[in-house]
Protein backbone atom coordinates (compact mmCIF):
# COMPACT_ATOMS: atom_id res chain seq x y z
CA MET A 1 -53.97 -6.02 -17.13
CA ARG A 2 -56.86 -4.69 -15.89
CA LYS A 3 -57.36 -1.92 -13.10
CA ILE A 4 -59.15 -1.94 -9.92
CA THR A 5 -59.12 -0.53 -6.47
CA LEU A 6 -58.14 -3.03 -3.60
CA PRO A 7 -59.48 -1.91 -0.05
CA PHE A 8 -56.59 -3.23 1.76
CA ASP A 9 -52.87 -3.80 0.90
CA LEU A 10 -51.11 -6.97 0.07
CA ARG A 11 -48.14 -8.52 1.59
CA THR A 12 -45.54 -10.24 -0.61
CA SER A 13 -43.38 -13.17 1.27
CA TYR A 14 -39.90 -14.82 1.10
CA ASP A 15 -42.01 -17.54 -0.54
CA ASN A 16 -44.19 -15.87 -2.94
CA GLU A 17 -42.57 -12.75 -4.33
CA PRO A 18 -40.92 -15.08 -7.29
CA PHE A 19 -45.05 -15.14 -8.14
CA TYR A 20 -45.83 -11.65 -7.42
CA LYS A 21 -43.03 -9.59 -8.39
CA PRO A 22 -42.87 -10.88 -12.32
CA ALA A 23 -46.96 -10.74 -12.51
CA GLN A 24 -46.73 -6.69 -11.24
CA GLU A 25 -43.88 -5.56 -13.31
CA GLU A 26 -44.47 -8.14 -16.36
CA GLY A 27 -47.95 -9.25 -16.31
CA LYS A 28 -45.95 -13.05 -16.39
CA PHE A 29 -47.92 -16.26 -14.70
CA LEU A 30 -45.23 -17.98 -13.01
CA LEU A 31 -45.56 -21.25 -11.17
CA PRO A 32 -42.95 -23.09 -8.94
CA ARG A 33 -42.20 -26.73 -10.82
CA CYS A 34 -39.91 -29.57 -9.07
CA LYS A 35 -36.91 -30.03 -11.21
CA ASP A 36 -36.67 -33.61 -9.83
CA CYS A 37 -40.20 -35.13 -10.05
CA GLY A 38 -41.37 -32.36 -12.82
CA LYS A 39 -44.42 -31.67 -11.14
CA TYR A 40 -46.16 -27.91 -10.92
CA TYR A 41 -47.48 -26.95 -7.28
CA TRP A 42 -49.47 -23.97 -5.37
CA PRO A 43 -49.18 -22.35 -2.91
CA ALA A 44 -45.67 -21.03 -3.38
CA ALA A 45 -43.04 -22.89 -1.11
CA PHE A 46 -39.25 -23.31 -1.99
CA ILE A 47 -40.01 -26.94 -1.16
CA CYS A 48 -41.81 -29.35 -3.54
CA GLU A 49 -45.02 -30.63 -2.00
CA HIS A 50 -44.77 -34.10 -4.19
CA CYS A 51 -41.44 -35.18 -3.37
CA GLY A 52 -39.99 -33.03 -0.83
CA SER A 53 -37.31 -31.83 -3.36
CA ALA A 54 -35.61 -28.25 -2.67
CA ASN A 55 -34.64 -28.24 -6.36
CA VAL A 56 -37.62 -25.98 -7.64
CA GLU A 57 -37.95 -23.37 -10.79
CA TRP A 58 -40.14 -20.73 -11.47
CA VAL A 59 -41.69 -21.48 -14.99
CA GLU A 60 -44.19 -19.05 -16.85
CA ALA A 61 -47.60 -21.06 -17.09
CA SER A 62 -50.60 -20.88 -19.48
CA GLY A 63 -52.99 -18.85 -17.52
CA HIS A 64 -55.79 -21.57 -18.46
CA GLY A 65 -57.68 -23.62 -16.60
CA ARG A 66 -61.18 -25.09 -15.76
CA LEU A 67 -63.51 -23.54 -13.18
CA TYR A 68 -63.45 -26.18 -10.06
CA SER A 69 -65.81 -23.87 -7.40
CA LYS A 70 -67.49 -20.55 -7.64
CA VAL A 71 -69.27 -18.38 -4.88
CA GLU A 72 -70.96 -14.77 -5.16
CA GLU A 73 -69.57 -12.91 -1.68
CA ARG A 74 -72.72 -10.73 -0.60
CA PHE A 75 -71.30 -9.90 2.68
CA ALA A 76 -68.34 -7.31 3.53
CA PHE A 77 -65.99 -9.56 5.26
CA HIS A 78 -63.61 -6.06 5.38
CA PRO A 79 -65.49 -2.63 5.36
CA GLY A 80 -63.42 -1.76 2.34
CA ILE A 81 -65.08 -4.01 0.09
CA LYS A 82 -68.69 -3.31 0.90
CA GLU A 83 -69.27 -0.73 -2.10
CA TYR A 84 -67.83 -3.85 -4.68
CA LEU A 85 -70.39 -6.43 -3.69
CA PRO A 86 -71.26 -8.87 -4.72
CA ILE A 87 -68.01 -10.21 -5.63
CA GLY A 88 -67.56 -13.52 -7.64
CA LEU A 89 -64.85 -15.80 -6.37
CA CYS A 90 -63.48 -19.02 -7.58
CA SER A 91 -61.34 -21.40 -7.41
CA VAL A 92 -59.68 -22.82 -10.70
CA ASN A 93 -58.07 -26.05 -12.00
CA LEU A 94 -54.91 -24.86 -14.07
CA ASP A 95 -54.02 -26.73 -17.17
CA GLU A 96 -50.68 -27.22 -15.27
CA GLY A 97 -52.23 -29.52 -12.79
CA PRO A 98 -52.33 -26.85 -9.24
CA ARG A 99 -55.53 -25.15 -8.15
CA VAL A 100 -55.74 -21.61 -7.32
CA PHE A 101 -57.99 -18.84 -6.08
CA GLY A 102 -59.34 -15.66 -7.44
CA ARG A 103 -62.00 -13.10 -8.76
CA LEU A 104 -64.59 -14.55 -10.83
CA LEU A 105 -65.27 -12.36 -13.72
CA GLY A 106 -67.57 -11.74 -16.98
CA TYR A 107 -70.72 -13.24 -15.77
CA GLU A 108 -74.05 -12.19 -15.33
CA ASN A 109 -75.66 -14.91 -13.23
CA ILE A 110 -73.25 -16.92 -10.90
CA GLU A 111 -76.01 -19.75 -11.04
CA ASP A 112 -75.54 -20.02 -14.67
CA VAL A 113 -71.82 -20.29 -14.86
CA PRO A 114 -71.02 -23.97 -15.32
CA TYR A 115 -68.67 -25.86 -13.29
CA ASP A 116 -65.55 -27.33 -15.56
CA ALA A 117 -66.11 -24.28 -17.91
CA PRO A 118 -62.84 -23.07 -19.55
CA VAL A 119 -61.48 -19.66 -18.06
CA HIS A 120 -58.51 -17.50 -18.61
CA LEU A 121 -56.16 -15.51 -16.43
CA VAL A 122 -56.71 -11.94 -16.16
CA TRP A 123 -54.14 -9.44 -13.97
CA LEU A 124 -56.13 -7.24 -12.02
CA ARG A 125 -53.63 -4.37 -10.90
CA ASP A 126 -54.07 -1.54 -8.02
CA ASP A 127 -51.36 1.03 -9.31
CA GLU A 128 -51.50 2.96 -6.38
CA LYS A 129 -51.32 -0.05 -4.04
CA ALA A 130 -48.65 -1.73 -6.35
CA ALA A 131 -50.46 -4.85 -5.96
CA THR A 132 -51.88 -7.59 -8.27
CA ILE A 133 -54.29 -10.13 -7.88
CA MET A 134 -55.48 -12.91 -10.05
CA GLY A 135 -58.75 -12.75 -11.89
CA TRP A 136 -60.70 -15.51 -14.00
CA GLU A 137 -62.52 -14.87 -16.96
CA LEU A 138 -64.83 -17.09 -18.51
CA ASP A 139 -63.85 -18.14 -22.42
């Protein structure tokens, strides 16, 4: 887990607490999976987005995927983030199926990062705010 400073607080909800709590406490990457159709999905919810079943479990995921999209943020969408610009952001198609979003790490020039590049999860933790977010680093 890498240490960072977040410029704002993150709040958990009833739906996503089973994701954030294990991430913060143990560094585990959990995804909801339907026990009826067997599919993983994201964002977190207690109803399967594929079949509508409420028979859902949280399962540890691999933390591996492929880069789907990327952008380098150069405008401060929040005043506290200005000092951290530019920031790479990305969406990742997980090996388990769902698409998630997070920080893109480990690149020099975003234009040189190929789409569909293999990436792996790196947890980014702000101890002061007790918050953990997803970062994706090139393999």
